[in-house]
Amino acid sequence: MQPIQLFDPASSTYTYVMFDEATREAVIIDPVDEQLERDLATLRQYGLKLLWTVETHAHADHITSAGLLAEHTGAQTAAPQACGITTAAMQLVDGDELRFGSEVLKALHTPGHTAGSMSFLWRDHVLTGDSLLVNGCGRTDFQSGSAEDMYHSLTQVLFKLADSTTVWPGHDYQGRTHTTIGAERMGNPRVAGKSVDAFKDIMAALNLPRPRRIDEAVPANLTSGVRHDADGMDAHTVRPAPGYAGDVSPALACAWWQSGQAVLVDVRTDAEREWVGFVPGAVALAWKQWPGMAMNPAFDEEIMEAGPKGKKLVLLCRSGVRSVAAAKRATELGLEAYNILEGFEGDPDSHAQRGKKGGWRLQGLPWRQG
């Protein structure tokens, strides 16, 4: 069995889907925001339940759809801890394993392209991101790159795998889809037979152009591709929005809730509340539910019960995708509904909390894990 390999022509990025044949549980590696509908269609085509969205690093040439996929499918997000993608629910370190059905994806720390870059070993396949490419490797001249670290990652981590291991790169610009560890160890022109000093000289002489989207992509990818823009909004600001009453900061939503002006509605799935954490005092009303993240048929009735006359509704989810959709529907039903900028994901004392500013954690709200 091989990974499903998908390609984004704009950035020459490969996205990979692996799944357990019995349970249909799946993981996706390095998804691209502009290919969200393609990836959702792939999951539907194969009848898959996405458990994990995984990043090899914080990309500079495209924006990830990890956060959006999590919202659409109920998956959890995972990323290398050293990349600073603090919105990811699972912060990966070397040797960590992600399980889907009876399958296991093992994290290998392979810094060099960035300090946090990881490759992922699955069966006799390794998905190398921007570390090892076909007849090449990722550049090391920006972000937290290091040619010396890359040399070590290639020679002492990846080339220690069995020669027959299939290599699935994060990019290729010439239409090549895969290679093997043996082929790269023996013939990769940048590293095969080279000393570390020779490798560093080769990397220093590449003179590659600056990635066109780096200023946009890196900040977005540090928040799993979902922008959290409550920064700069004061506690009394409501930002107008089409189709519902508006967007509000966590501070304003909390003030309304604590003063009794608003009802706090948590539109995450029941499963998410169990594994991520509950917000006590919030009305638990899923916009979608497993299996299949189908629309909750009782939503209309339950949201009408949750929103007594004269009170606002402030809605939260993991990042704002479902809470916006739910706010629009509540508005159609005649309710005054607001979306909370920044969402909720995880222990407020850890880096798993959603949002650059910690979202609900800033307000000192009580919470508990499932």
Protein backbone atom coordinates (compact mmCIF):
# COMPACT_ATOMS: atom_id res chain seq x y z
CA MET A 1 0.00 0.00 0.00
CA GLN A 2 1.28 3.45 -0.92
CA PRO A 3 0.28 6.94 0.23
CA ILE A 4 -2.24 8.79 -1.89
CA GLN A 5 -0.12 11.52 -3.48
CA LEU A 6 -1.81 14.81 -4.42
CA PHE A 7 -0.17 17.79 -6.13
CA ASP A 8 -0.64 21.55 -5.96
CA PRO A 9 0.75 23.03 -9.19
CA ALA A 10 0.96 26.60 -7.90
CA SER A 11 3.54 25.71 -5.24
CA SER A 12 4.67 22.29 -6.56
CA THR A 13 3.66 20.88 -3.17
CA TYR A 14 2.87 17.23 -2.60
CA THR A 15 0.13 16.39 -0.08
CA TYR A 16 -0.19 12.83 1.20
CA VAL A 17 -3.08 10.81 2.59
CA MET A 18 -2.58 7.47 4.36
CA PHE A 19 -5.30 5.33 5.88
CA ASP A 20 -6.05 2.09 7.66
CA GLU A 21 -7.93 -0.20 5.29
CA ALA A 22 -10.06 -1.78 8.01
CA THR A 23 -11.19 1.28 9.99
CA ARG A 24 -10.80 3.87 7.18
CA GLU A 25 -9.13 6.17 9.69
CA ALA A 26 -6.70 8.51 7.94
CA VAL A 27 -3.98 11.15 8.25
CA ILE A 28 -3.09 13.92 5.81
CA ILE A 29 0.37 15.48 5.55
CA ASP A 30 1.07 19.02 4.29
CA PRO A 31 -2.36 20.01 2.95
CA VAL A 32 -2.68 23.24 0.92
CA ASP A 33 -5.45 25.76 1.53
CA GLU A 34 -6.28 26.23 -2.15
CA GLN A 35 -6.80 22.46 -2.45
CA LEU A 36 -9.27 22.14 0.44
CA GLU A 37 -12.18 20.98 -1.72
CA ARG A 38 -9.96 18.50 -3.56
CA ASP A 39 -8.80 16.98 -0.28
CA LEU A 40 -12.32 16.78 1.15
CA ALA A 41 -13.43 15.08 -2.07
CA THR A 42 -10.57 12.59 -1.74
CA LEU A 43 -11.66 11.73 1.79
CA ARG A 44 -15.22 11.20 0.57
CA GLN A 45 -14.07 9.16 -2.43
CA TYR A 46 -12.22 6.66 -0.24
CA GLY A 47 -14.75 6.75 2.60
CA LEU A 48 -12.19 8.02 5.11
CA LYS A 49 -12.46 9.49 8.58
CA LEU A 50 -9.64 12.00 9.02
CA LEU A 51 -8.03 11.74 12.47
CA TRP A 52 -4.91 13.87 11.99
CA THR A 53 -3.72 16.79 9.87
CA VAL A 54 0.08 16.84 10.03
CA GLU A 55 2.68 19.44 9.07
CA THR A 56 6.31 18.70 8.26
CA HIS A 57 7.22 22.35 9.07
CA ALA A 58 5.93 25.92 8.82
CA HIS A 59 5.84 26.40 5.06
CA ALA A 60 7.02 29.55 3.27
CA ASP A 61 5.54 28.92 -0.18
CA HIS A 62 1.91 28.07 0.52
CA ILE A 63 -0.67 28.29 3.29
CA THR A 64 -1.79 25.10 4.98
CA SER A 65 -5.42 24.03 5.20
CA ALA A 66 -4.80 22.09 8.44
CA GLY A 67 -7.08 24.26 10.57
CA LEU A 68 -9.83 24.28 7.96
CA LEU A 69 -9.64 20.50 7.52
CA ALA A 70 -9.91 20.10 11.29
CA GLU A 71 -13.04 22.23 11.27
CA HIS A 72 -14.63 20.36 8.37
CA THR A 73 -13.76 16.85 9.51
CA GLY A 74 -13.25 16.93 13.28
CA ALA A 75 -9.60 15.90 12.91
CA GLN A 76 -6.89 16.92 15.34
CA THR A 77 -3.92 19.01 14.21
CA ALA A 78 -0.30 17.96 14.72
CA ALA A 79 2.94 19.83 14.00
CA PRO A 80 6.60 19.77 15.06
CA GLN A 81 6.98 21.40 18.47
CA ALA A 82 10.08 23.34 17.44
CA CYS A 83 8.25 25.05 14.57
CA GLY A 84 6.17 27.23 16.88
CA ILE A 85 2.82 26.24 15.37
CA THR A 86 1.18 26.64 18.76
CA THR A 87 -2.35 26.20 17.42
CA ALA A 88 -1.61 22.53 16.70
CA ALA A 89 -3.27 20.28 19.26
CA MET A 90 -0.38 17.79 19.19
CA GLN A 91 3.12 19.22 19.51
CA LEU A 92 5.41 16.56 18.06
CA VAL A 93 8.92 15.67 19.17
CA ASP A 94 11.29 13.09 17.75
CA GLY A 95 9.94 9.56 18.12
CA ASP A 96 6.31 10.53 18.70
CA GLU A 97 3.74 8.28 17.05
CA LEU A 98 0.36 9.12 15.59
CA ARG A 99 -2.03 6.19 15.34
CA PHE A 100 -4.85 5.72 12.88
CA GLY A 101 -6.54 2.35 13.07
CA SER A 102 -3.75 -0.22 13.29
CA GLU A 103 -1.35 2.05 11.40
CA VAL A 104 1.42 4.15 12.95
CA LEU A 105 3.09 7.33 11.70
CA LYS A 106 6.42 7.97 13.46
CA ALA A 107 7.96 11.45 13.71
CA LEU A 108 11.64 11.87 12.84
CA HIS A 109 13.20 15.23 13.70
CA THR A 110 15.13 16.26 10.59
CA PRO A 111 16.10 19.94 11.05
CA GLY A 112 17.97 21.88 8.41
CA HIS A 113 15.33 23.46 6.19
CA THR A 114 13.90 24.84 9.44
CA ALA A 115 14.87 24.08 13.02
CA GLY A 116 11.69 22.12 13.59
CA SER A 117 11.40 20.23 10.31
CA MET A 118 10.22 16.65 10.57
CA SER A 119 9.96 13.60 8.36
CA PHE A 120 7.41 10.86 8.98
CA LEU A 121 8.01 7.13 8.75
CA TRP A 122 5.08 4.89 7.78
CA ARG A 123 5.63 1.20 7.07
CA ASP A 124 8.50 1.17 4.52
CA HIS A 125 7.81 4.72 3.37
CA VAL A 126 9.24 8.02 4.61
CA LEU A 127 7.57 11.36 3.91
CA THR A 128 10.37 13.88 4.02
CA GLY A 129 8.77 17.30 3.52
CA ASP A 130 11.47 19.79 2.54
CA SER A 131 14.30 17.77 4.06
CA LEU A 132 15.16 15.16 1.42
CA LEU A 133 13.99 15.80 -2.15
CA VAL A 134 14.56 13.80 -5.33
CA ASN A 135 18.23 14.47 -6.18
CA GLY A 136 18.28 17.37 -3.76
CA CYS A 137 17.22 18.75 -0.40
CA GLY A 138 15.41 21.75 0.98
CA ARG A 139 17.12 25.12 1.07
CA THR A 140 18.75 26.19 4.33
CA ASP A 141 19.23 29.94 3.85
CA PHE A 142 16.17 31.47 5.56
CA GLN A 143 13.87 31.10 8.58
CA SER A 144 15.82 28.91 11.01
CA GLY A 145 17.66 26.93 8.36
CA SER A 146 21.07 25.37 8.91
CA ALA A 147 23.19 23.57 6.32
CA GLU A 148 25.07 21.75 9.07
CA ASP A 149 21.83 20.52 10.63
CA MET A 150 20.56 19.45 7.20
CA TYR A 151 23.71 17.43 6.55
CA HIS A 152 23.25 15.62 9.86
CA SER A 153 19.56 14.99 9.19
CA LEU A 154 20.31 13.51 5.79
CA THR A 155 23.35 11.42 6.66
CA GLN A 156 22.62 10.41 10.25
CA VAL A 157 18.82 10.11 10.27
CA LEU A 158 17.31 9.54 6.85
CA PHE A 159 20.20 7.67 5.25
CA LYS A 160 20.20 5.30 8.23
CA LEU A 161 16.85 3.95 7.06
CA ALA A 162 16.77 0.82 4.88
CA ASP A 163 17.88 1.46 1.29
CA SER A 164 14.56 0.08 0.04
CA THR A 165 12.55 2.71 1.96
CA THR A 166 10.46 4.75 -0.49
CA VAL A 167 10.96 8.51 -0.20
CA TRP A 168 7.95 10.76 -0.78
CA PRO A 169 9.16 14.38 -1.02
CA GLY A 170 7.27 17.53 -0.09
CA HIS A 171 8.03 19.15 -3.45
CA ASP A 172 9.26 18.42 -6.92
CA TYR A 173 9.59 20.84 -9.80
CA GLN A 174 10.29 18.34 -12.58
CA GLY A 175 7.38 15.92 -12.26
CA ARG A 176 9.22 13.29 -10.23
CA THR A 177 7.03 11.63 -7.64
CA HIS A 178 9.28 9.52 -5.40
CA THR A 179 12.67 7.95 -4.95
CA THR A 180 14.36 5.60 -2.46
CA ILE A 181 16.76 6.05 0.41
CA GLY A 182 19.32 3.89 -1.39
CA ALA A 183 19.18 5.96 -4.57
CA GLU A 184 19.59 9.23 -2.67
CA ARG A 185 22.30 7.97 -0.34
CA MET A 186 24.36 6.81 -3.32
CA GLY A 187 23.54 9.47 -5.90
CA ASN A 188 22.09 12.68 -4.43
CA PRO A 189 24.37 15.32 -6.00
CA ARG A 190 24.26 17.63 -3.01
CA VAL A 191 25.19 15.18 -0.30
CA ALA A 192 26.29 11.76 -1.59
CA GLY A 193 29.98 11.31 -0.85
CA LYS A 194 30.32 14.90 0.36
CA SER A 195 31.88 16.14 3.58
CA VAL A 196 29.90 18.51 5.76
CA ASP A 197 32.09 21.41 4.62
CA ALA A 198 31.57 20.56 0.96
CA PHE A 199 27.82 20.32 1.55
CA LYS A 200 27.78 23.71 3.27
CA ASP A 201 29.63 25.25 0.33
CA ILE A 202 27.11 23.77 -2.13
CA MET A 203 24.16 25.12 -0.11
CA ALA A 204 25.74 28.57 0.27
CA ALA A 205 26.23 28.85 -3.49
CA LEU A 206 22.60 28.12 -4.47
CA ASN A 207 21.52 31.78 -4.47
CA LEU A 208 17.83 30.91 -4.64
CA PRO A 209 15.20 33.65 -4.91
CA ARG A 210 13.18 34.55 -1.83
CA PRO A 211 9.88 32.63 -1.70
CA ARG A 212 7.21 34.87 -3.21
CA ARG A 213 4.60 34.21 -0.49
CA ILE A 214 6.88 33.98 2.56
CA ASP A 215 5.59 37.14 4.28
CA GLU A 216 2.02 35.92 3.96
CA ALA A 217 2.52 32.17 4.33
CA VAL A 218 4.72 31.85 7.41
CA PRO A 219 2.50 33.91 9.79
CA ALA A 220 -0.61 32.11 8.51
CA ASN A 221 1.01 28.70 8.91
CA LEU A 222 1.97 29.46 12.51
CA THR A 223 -1.79 29.46 13.21
CA SER A 224 -2.55 26.27 11.21
CA GLY A 225 -3.63 28.37 8.24
CA VAL A 226 -6.57 29.99 10.03
CA ARG A 227 -6.07 33.66 10.74
CA HIS A 228 -6.88 34.84 14.25
CA ASP A 229 -7.33 38.57 14.05
CA ALA A 230 -8.66 39.69 17.43
CA ASP A 231 -5.38 41.53 18.03
CA GLY A 232 -5.96 45.27 18.09
CA MET A 233 -9.68 45.06 18.80
CA ASP A 234 -10.67 46.80 22.01
CA ALA A 235 -13.15 45.30 24.46
CA HIS A 236 -16.04 47.30 23.02
CA THR A 237 -15.54 46.62 19.31
CA VAL A 238 -17.98 44.71 17.17
CA ARG A 239 -16.72 44.16 13.64
CA PRO A 240 -19.57 44.05 11.11
CA ALA A 241 -19.90 40.81 9.17
CA PRO A 242 -22.17 39.73 6.31
CA GLY A 243 -25.01 37.44 7.33
CA TYR A 244 -24.77 37.75 11.13
CA ALA A 245 -24.47 40.38 13.85
CA GLY A 246 -20.67 40.58 13.72
CA ASP A 247 -17.31 39.34 14.99
CA VAL A 248 -16.24 40.03 18.57
CA SER A 249 -13.04 39.58 20.51
CA PRO A 250 -12.84 36.99 23.29
CA ALA A 251 -12.70 39.89 25.77
CA LEU A 252 -15.99 41.40 24.62
CA ALA A 253 -17.73 38.04 24.36
CA CYS A 254 -16.62 37.16 27.87
CA ALA A 255 -17.78 40.52 29.24
CA TRP A 256 -21.22 40.07 27.70
CA TRP A 257 -21.44 36.50 28.99
CA GLN A 258 -20.32 37.29 32.52
CA SER A 259 -22.73 40.24 32.78
CA GLY A 260 -25.66 38.10 31.64
CA GLN A 261 -26.14 39.94 28.33
CA ALA A 262 -25.22 36.92 26.21
CA VAL A 263 -25.42 33.15 26.07
CA LEU A 264 -22.15 31.39 25.24
CA VAL A 265 -22.67 28.59 22.70
CA ASP A 266 -20.00 25.98 21.96
CA VAL A 267 -20.65 24.54 18.49
CA ARG A 268 -17.82 21.97 18.53
CA THR A 269 -18.68 18.29 18.31
CA ASP A 270 -19.27 16.21 21.42
CA ALA A 271 -16.11 14.25 20.61
CA GLU A 272 -13.99 17.41 20.50
CA ARG A 273 -15.23 18.47 23.93
CA GLU A 274 -14.30 15.06 25.30
CA TRP A 275 -10.73 15.06 24.00
CA VAL A 276 -9.93 18.78 24.05
CA GLY A 277 -11.87 20.24 26.97
CA PHE A 278 -15.15 21.72 28.07
CA VAL A 279 -16.05 25.37 28.68
CA PRO A 280 -18.31 25.21 31.75
CA GLY A 281 -21.31 27.47 31.45
CA ALA A 282 -21.40 27.22 27.68
CA VAL A 283 -24.36 25.67 25.92
CA ALA A 284 -23.03 22.60 24.09
CA LEU A 285 -24.72 22.66 20.69
CA ALA A 286 -22.84 20.99 17.86
CA TRP A 287 -23.13 22.53 14.40
CA LYS A 288 -21.99 19.20 12.94
CA GLN A 289 -21.55 15.78 14.50
CA TRP A 290 -19.68 12.58 13.84
CA PRO A 291 -19.90 10.21 12.05
CA GLY A 292 -19.04 11.99 8.87
CA MET A 293 -19.37 15.50 10.36
CA ALA A 294 -22.99 15.57 9.20
CA MET A 295 -25.15 18.60 9.91
CA ASN A 296 -26.87 18.39 13.30
CA PRO A 297 -30.57 17.99 12.42
CA ALA A 298 -31.65 19.39 15.78
CA PHE A 299 -29.59 22.58 15.49
CA ASP A 300 -32.46 24.92 14.61
CA GLU A 301 -34.64 23.80 17.48
CA GLU A 302 -31.80 23.79 20.00
CA ILE A 303 -30.40 27.19 19.02
CA MET A 304 -33.85 28.73 19.39
CA GLU A 305 -34.05 27.29 22.90
CA ALA A 306 -30.52 28.55 23.69
CA GLY A 307 -31.28 32.13 22.64
CA PRO A 308 -33.99 33.65 24.86
CA LYS A 309 -35.52 36.87 23.65
CA GLY A 310 -33.38 39.95 24.32
CA LYS A 311 -30.09 38.07 24.77
CA LYS A 312 -27.18 37.89 22.41
CA LEU A 313 -25.61 34.62 21.32
CA VAL A 314 -21.80 34.44 21.19
CA LEU A 315 -20.57 31.33 19.38
CA LEU A 316 -17.21 29.58 19.54
CA CYS A 317 -15.61 26.58 17.88
CA ARG A 318 -11.98 25.63 17.29
CA SER A 319 -11.11 28.50 14.97
CA GLY A 320 -14.18 30.27 13.67
CA VAL A 321 -15.22 28.27 10.61
CA ARG A 322 -18.21 26.50 12.13
CA SER A 323 -19.11 29.32 14.52
CA VAL A 324 -19.45 31.69 11.55
CA ALA A 325 -21.71 29.23 9.73
CA ALA A 326 -23.76 28.65 12.88
CA ALA A 327 -24.04 32.40 13.54
CA LYS A 328 -25.39 32.92 10.02
CA ARG A 329 -28.02 30.21 10.53
CA ALA A 330 -29.01 31.60 13.94
CA THR A 331 -29.41 35.03 12.34
CA GLU A 332 -31.68 33.54 9.67
CA LEU A 333 -33.81 32.22 12.53
CA GLY A 334 -34.16 35.75 13.92
CA LEU A 335 -31.53 35.61 16.69
CA GLU A 336 -28.76 38.11 17.43
CA ALA A 337 -25.67 35.97 16.89
CA TYR A 338 -21.97 36.83 17.00
CA ASN A 339 -18.84 34.90 16.09
CA ILE A 340 -15.94 34.90 18.57
CA LEU A 341 -12.58 35.61 16.96
CA GLU A 342 -10.11 32.96 18.07
CA GLY A 343 -11.44 29.66 19.30
CA PHE A 344 -10.78 27.09 21.95
CA GLU A 345 -8.50 24.10 21.74
CA GLY A 346 -6.81 22.54 24.70
CA ASP A 347 -5.27 23.01 28.11
CA PRO A 348 -4.86 26.73 28.85
CA ASP A 349 -1.60 25.93 30.64
CA SER A 350 -0.10 24.33 27.54
CA HIS A 351 0.71 25.35 23.98
CA ALA A 352 -2.35 23.50 22.69
CA GLN A 353 -4.63 26.48 23.32
CA ARG A 354 -6.13 27.90 20.14
CA GLY A 355 -5.35 31.46 19.13
CA LYS A 356 -2.25 33.67 19.18
CA LYS A 357 -3.37 35.42 22.36
CA GLY A 358 -4.70 32.31 24.07
CA GLY A 359 -8.34 32.95 23.27
CA TRP A 360 -10.47 32.17 26.27
CA ARG A 361 -7.44 31.62 28.49
CA LEU A 362 -6.91 35.39 28.71
CA GLN A 363 -10.24 35.80 30.37
CA GLY A 364 -9.53 33.34 33.18
CA LEU A 365 -12.51 31.26 32.20
CA PRO A 366 -12.87 27.92 33.97
CA TRP A 367 -12.47 24.86 31.84
CA ARG A 368 -11.88 21.18 32.25
CA GLN A 369 -10.59 18.30 30.16
CA GLY A 370 -12.80 15.43 29.15
